[in-house]
Amino acid sequence: RIYLRMAVGRARCSSPAVIIFWGLVVVVLISSDKSRRVLSRGSSKKSRRKDPIHIKPSEHPENRQLETETQIEESPWHRCRLTKETPDEPVVTPYGDVFDLANIAREIVKRGKCPVTGNPLAFKDLTRIIIVKGSDGLPICPVTRHSLDAMSNVICFRTSGRVYSKHVLEDFYFGGEDDDDNRDPISNEPVHEGDVVTIQDPIRAAQKRLMAREEAQRFDPSKALSSGLPETVRAPEYFNVENYVE
């Protein structure tokens, strides 16, 4: 604007050649100012993309990890956690995750960690498991003969590798002097507390899903609470309904 006023002022008292010169100056200044604005907008967009504050909730690495773990938990317990297929050689980790031996072997060689929990994992930590199946091809407990579905508490003994329902532990007593009296109901091998691996616990799985949902809400407030109420009408944390109920 300043240069434009100067050009207009000089043009009023100058020759045509001078008017043309100052007209060109104004055109050059205006075009350079527009290009400078375009460049500044482009640089701000690039910096915003690199800024972690402007990362979308779905792009956050912790959120992606939570979604991956949630998808893994949704597969049946007797299937490989990586491929979600029935394993040819099923093995279990100390953390209760079932894998096909070939698939988890590659993960151990590459990373040395359990792909589900992220904890250190070695070949010596794996236990080959024996899964008994019923006439329908689904896993059953070899003692109770009940199906081991998504709502069953499933365990295995590292000593024998056999998979049972948790009801088998009802007659077990760990921590006493007669700890050696706890025996595998089929192989009759001694079973100590450290030999029991929990493969599936529905209550624990539900708690993990709830924790994952709460963790996701930290980066995506739109997922807060299952009531579906907008943020503006939700009661604050200090609001206690019991104080207002007769």
Protein backbone atom coordinates (compact mmCIF):
# COMPACT_ATOMS: atom_id res chain seq x y z
CA ARG A 1 0.00 0.00 0.00
CA ILE A 2 2.85 2.42 0.84
CA TYR A 3 4.57 1.75 -2.49
CA LEU A 4 1.26 2.13 -4.30
CA ARG A 5 0.66 5.56 -2.75
CA MET A 6 4.19 6.62 -3.69
CA ALA A 7 3.66 5.45 -7.26
CA VAL A 8 0.35 7.28 -7.59
CA GLY A 9 1.84 10.45 -6.14
CA ARG A 10 4.78 10.42 -8.53
CA ALA A 11 2.60 9.51 -11.48
CA ARG A 12 0.52 12.66 -11.07
CA CYS A 13 3.49 14.87 -11.79
CA SER A 14 5.64 12.72 -14.07
CA SER A 15 6.02 11.83 -17.71
CA PRO A 16 4.39 8.74 -19.30
CA ALA A 17 7.67 6.80 -19.14
CA VAL A 18 7.91 7.35 -15.40
CA ILE A 19 4.27 6.33 -14.95
CA ILE A 20 4.92 3.08 -16.81
CA PHE A 21 8.02 2.43 -14.69
CA TRP A 22 6.20 2.89 -11.41
CA GLY A 23 3.28 0.81 -12.70
CA LEU A 24 5.67 -2.09 -13.30
CA VAL A 25 7.11 -1.62 -9.82
CA VAL A 26 3.66 -1.90 -8.29
CA VAL A 27 2.87 -5.06 -10.29
CA VAL A 28 6.14 -6.71 -9.20
CA LEU A 29 5.55 -5.82 -5.55
CA ILE A 30 1.99 -7.16 -5.58
CA SER A 31 2.98 -10.46 -7.22
CA SER A 32 5.89 -10.97 -4.82
CA ASP A 33 3.60 -10.32 -1.85
CA LYS A 34 1.11 -12.96 -3.09
CA SER A 35 3.83 -15.54 -3.65
CA ARG A 36 5.20 -14.84 -0.16
CA ARG A 37 1.76 -15.50 1.35
CA VAL A 38 1.37 -18.78 -0.59
CA LEU A 39 4.78 -19.98 0.59
CA SER A 40 4.00 -19.10 4.20
CA ARG A 41 0.74 -21.06 4.04
CA GLY A 42 2.48 -24.10 2.59
CA SER A 43 5.21 -24.05 5.24
CA SER A 44 2.64 -23.75 8.03
CA LYS A 45 0.77 -26.81 6.70
CA LYS A 46 4.00 -28.81 6.54
CA SER A 47 4.99 -27.84 10.06
CA ARG A 48 1.50 -28.69 11.30
CA ARG A 49 1.80 -32.18 9.80
CA LYS A 50 5.07 -32.74 11.64
CA ASP A 51 3.75 -31.28 14.86
CA PRO A 52 2.57 -34.13 17.17
CA ILE A 53 -0.14 -31.85 18.54
CA HIS A 54 -1.94 -31.94 15.18
CA ILE A 55 -1.71 -35.74 14.71
CA LYS A 56 -5.13 -37.33 14.28
CA PRO A 57 -6.20 -39.72 17.08
CA SER A 58 -6.22 -42.64 14.65
CA GLU A 59 -2.63 -41.83 13.61
CA HIS A 60 -1.23 -41.82 17.14
CA PRO A 61 1.20 -44.78 17.61
CA GLU A 62 -0.24 -45.73 20.99
CA ASN A 63 -3.76 -45.71 19.54
CA ARG A 64 -2.69 -47.93 16.66
CA GLN A 65 -1.10 -50.35 19.12
CA LEU A 66 -4.31 -50.44 21.18
CA GLU A 67 -6.40 -51.18 18.10
CA THR A 68 -4.01 -53.98 17.12
CA GLU A 69 -4.19 -55.54 20.59
CA THR A 70 -7.98 -55.27 20.58
CA GLN A 71 -8.18 -57.07 17.24
CA ILE A 72 -5.86 -59.79 18.54
CA GLU A 73 -7.99 -60.28 21.67
CA GLU A 74 -11.14 -60.76 19.58
CA SER A 75 -9.81 -63.95 17.94
CA PRO A 76 -10.60 -67.31 19.63
CA TRP A 77 -8.05 -68.31 22.25
CA HIS A 78 -7.04 -71.54 20.47
CA ARG A 79 -6.06 -69.75 17.26
CA CYS A 80 -2.70 -68.17 16.52
CA ARG A 81 -2.61 -64.58 17.75
CA LEU A 82 -0.78 -63.48 14.62
CA THR A 83 -2.64 -65.24 11.80
CA LYS A 84 -5.96 -65.94 13.62
CA GLU A 85 -5.84 -69.43 12.13
CA THR A 86 -5.75 -72.83 13.81
CA PRO A 87 -2.06 -73.53 14.52
CA ASP A 88 -0.39 -76.69 13.22
CA GLU A 89 1.96 -76.75 16.22
CA PRO A 90 0.32 -74.75 19.01
CA VAL A 91 2.54 -73.26 21.68
CA VAL A 92 1.79 -70.92 24.55
CA THR A 93 3.89 -68.17 26.11
CA PRO A 94 4.20 -67.52 29.85
CA TYR A 95 1.75 -64.66 29.29
CA GLY A 96 -0.98 -67.02 28.00
CA ASP A 97 -0.81 -66.14 24.30
CA VAL A 98 -1.22 -69.03 21.85
CA PHE A 99 0.78 -69.05 18.60
CA ASP A 100 1.75 -71.38 15.83
CA LEU A 101 5.36 -72.38 16.44
CA ALA A 102 6.54 -71.31 12.99
CA ASN A 103 4.95 -67.85 13.29
CA ILE A 104 6.22 -67.02 16.77
CA ALA A 105 9.66 -68.39 15.90
CA ARG A 106 10.07 -65.67 13.27
CA GLU A 107 9.05 -63.00 15.79
CA ILE A 108 11.54 -64.30 18.36
CA VAL A 109 14.38 -64.32 15.83
CA LYS A 110 13.56 -60.81 14.56
CA ARG A 111 12.60 -58.99 17.75
CA GLY A 112 12.97 -61.28 20.73
CA LYS A 113 9.62 -60.07 22.10
CA CYS A 114 6.06 -61.30 22.38
CA PRO A 115 4.08 -59.45 19.66
CA VAL A 116 1.02 -59.15 21.93
CA THR A 117 2.50 -57.98 25.24
CA GLY A 118 5.83 -56.61 24.03
CA ASN A 119 7.62 -58.49 26.83
CA PRO A 120 10.92 -60.34 26.20
CA LEU A 121 10.40 -63.84 24.80
CA ALA A 122 12.79 -66.71 24.05
CA PHE A 123 12.35 -70.21 22.68
CA LYS A 124 12.82 -71.70 26.15
CA ASP A 125 9.74 -69.78 27.32
CA LEU A 126 7.43 -71.59 24.87
CA THR A 127 5.37 -74.61 25.89
CA ARG A 128 3.87 -77.02 23.38
CA ILE A 129 0.23 -77.48 24.30
CA ILE A 130 -2.21 -80.34 23.76
CA ILE A 131 -5.72 -79.20 22.86
CA VAL A 132 -8.43 -81.86 23.01
CA LYS A 133 -11.32 -81.27 20.61
CA GLY A 134 -14.87 -82.56 20.58
CA SER A 135 -16.88 -84.06 17.76
CA ASP A 136 -17.61 -80.59 16.40
CA GLY A 137 -13.90 -79.80 16.14
CA LEU A 138 -13.94 -77.21 18.94
CA PRO A 139 -11.75 -77.37 22.07
CA ILE A 140 -13.07 -79.14 25.17
CA CYS A 141 -11.71 -79.83 28.63
CA PRO A 142 -10.50 -83.47 28.73
CA VAL A 143 -11.69 -83.79 32.36
CA THR A 144 -15.06 -82.03 32.49
CA ARG A 145 -15.77 -82.60 28.77
CA HIS A 146 -17.23 -79.10 28.63
CA SER A 147 -16.53 -76.86 25.67
CA LEU A 148 -13.85 -74.20 26.09
CA ASP A 149 -15.50 -71.26 24.37
CA ALA A 150 -15.07 -67.49 24.63
CA MET A 151 -16.68 -67.42 28.11
CA SER A 152 -14.54 -70.21 29.60
CA ASN A 153 -11.60 -69.87 31.96
CA VAL A 154 -8.85 -71.76 30.15
CA ILE A 155 -5.52 -72.82 31.65
CA CYS A 156 -2.69 -75.18 30.82
CA PHE A 157 0.05 -76.93 32.78
CA ARG A 158 3.57 -76.25 31.55
CA THR A 159 4.69 -79.64 32.85
CA SER A 160 2.44 -81.63 30.50
CA GLY A 161 1.22 -78.98 28.07
CA ARG A 162 -2.38 -80.10 28.47
CA VAL A 163 -5.15 -77.53 28.28
CA TYR A 164 -7.94 -77.66 30.86
CA SER A 165 -10.84 -75.71 32.23
CA LYS A 166 -9.96 -73.73 35.34
CA HIS A 167 -12.41 -75.89 37.29
CA VAL A 168 -9.65 -78.51 37.44
CA LEU A 169 -7.85 -76.31 39.99
CA GLU A 170 -10.71 -76.46 42.50
CA ASP A 171 -9.04 -79.31 44.41
CA PHE A 172 -5.55 -77.83 44.13
CA TYR A 173 -3.81 -76.12 47.01
CA PHE A 174 -0.68 -74.08 46.31
CA GLY A 175 1.76 -72.71 48.84
CA GLY A 176 1.51 -75.40 51.50
CA GLU A 177 3.84 -78.19 52.58
CA ASP A 178 1.88 -80.68 50.47
CA ASP A 179 2.40 -78.71 47.27
CA ASP A 180 3.64 -81.84 45.52
CA ASP A 181 0.24 -83.44 46.05
CA ASN A 182 -1.16 -81.30 43.22
CA ARG A 183 -1.14 -83.62 40.23
CA ASP A 184 -2.05 -83.40 36.59
CA PRO A 185 -5.39 -85.25 36.34
CA ILE A 186 -4.24 -87.16 33.25
CA SER A 187 -0.43 -87.52 33.35
CA ASN A 188 -0.24 -87.51 37.18
CA GLU A 189 2.78 -85.17 37.02
CA PRO A 190 3.35 -82.79 39.96
CA VAL A 191 1.98 -79.31 39.29
CA HIS A 192 3.27 -76.24 41.11
CA GLU A 193 1.80 -72.75 41.06
CA GLY A 194 4.39 -71.55 38.55
CA ASP A 195 3.39 -74.33 36.16
CA VAL A 196 -0.13 -72.95 35.67
CA VAL A 197 -0.57 -70.60 32.70
CA THR A 198 -3.84 -68.72 32.22
CA ILE A 199 -4.72 -68.74 28.54
CA GLN A 200 -8.15 -67.11 28.78
CA ASP A 201 -9.88 -65.23 31.56
CA PRO A 202 -13.09 -63.50 30.35
CA ILE A 203 -13.11 -61.04 33.25
CA ARG A 204 -9.50 -60.05 32.70
CA ALA A 205 -10.13 -59.70 28.96
CA ALA A 206 -13.09 -57.39 29.62
CA GLN A 207 -10.96 -55.27 31.95
CA LYS A 208 -8.24 -55.01 29.32
CA ARG A 209 -10.75 -53.88 26.70
CA LEU A 210 -12.11 -51.27 29.11
CA MET A 211 -8.60 -50.00 29.83
CA ALA A 212 -7.85 -49.88 26.11
CA ARG A 213 -11.03 -47.87 25.51
CA GLU A 214 -10.14 -45.44 28.28
CA GLU A 215 -6.63 -45.08 26.88
CA ALA A 216 -8.06 -44.34 23.44
CA GLN A 217 -10.28 -41.63 24.95
CA ARG A 218 -7.18 -39.73 26.01
CA PHE A 219 -6.43 -39.04 22.34
CA ASP A 220 -9.99 -39.03 20.98
CA PRO A 221 -12.53 -37.32 23.29
CA SER A 222 -15.35 -38.22 20.88
CA LYS A 223 -15.13 -41.80 22.19
CA ALA A 224 -15.67 -40.71 25.79
CA LEU A 225 -18.46 -42.56 27.61
CA SER A 226 -20.82 -44.96 25.90
CA SER A 227 -23.87 -42.82 26.64
CA GLY A 228 -23.44 -40.89 23.39
CA LEU A 229 -24.14 -37.56 25.10
CA PRO A 230 -22.27 -34.53 23.77
CA GLU A 231 -19.41 -33.09 25.79
CA THR A 232 -21.43 -30.02 26.79
CA VAL A 233 -24.12 -31.97 28.67
CA ARG A 234 -21.99 -34.55 30.44
CA ALA A 235 -21.70 -34.26 34.18
CA PRO A 236 -18.26 -33.30 35.57
CA GLU A 237 -16.21 -35.86 37.50
CA TYR A 238 -16.98 -34.28 40.88
CA PHE A 239 -20.75 -34.57 40.29
CA ASN A 240 -22.14 -37.39 42.46
CA VAL A 241 -25.67 -38.45 41.60
CA GLU A 242 -26.13 -40.25 44.94
CA ASN A 243 -26.09 -36.93 46.78
CA TYR A 244 -29.20 -35.86 44.89
CA VAL A 245 -31.21 -39.08 45.14
CA GLU A 246 -33.62 -39.47 48.05
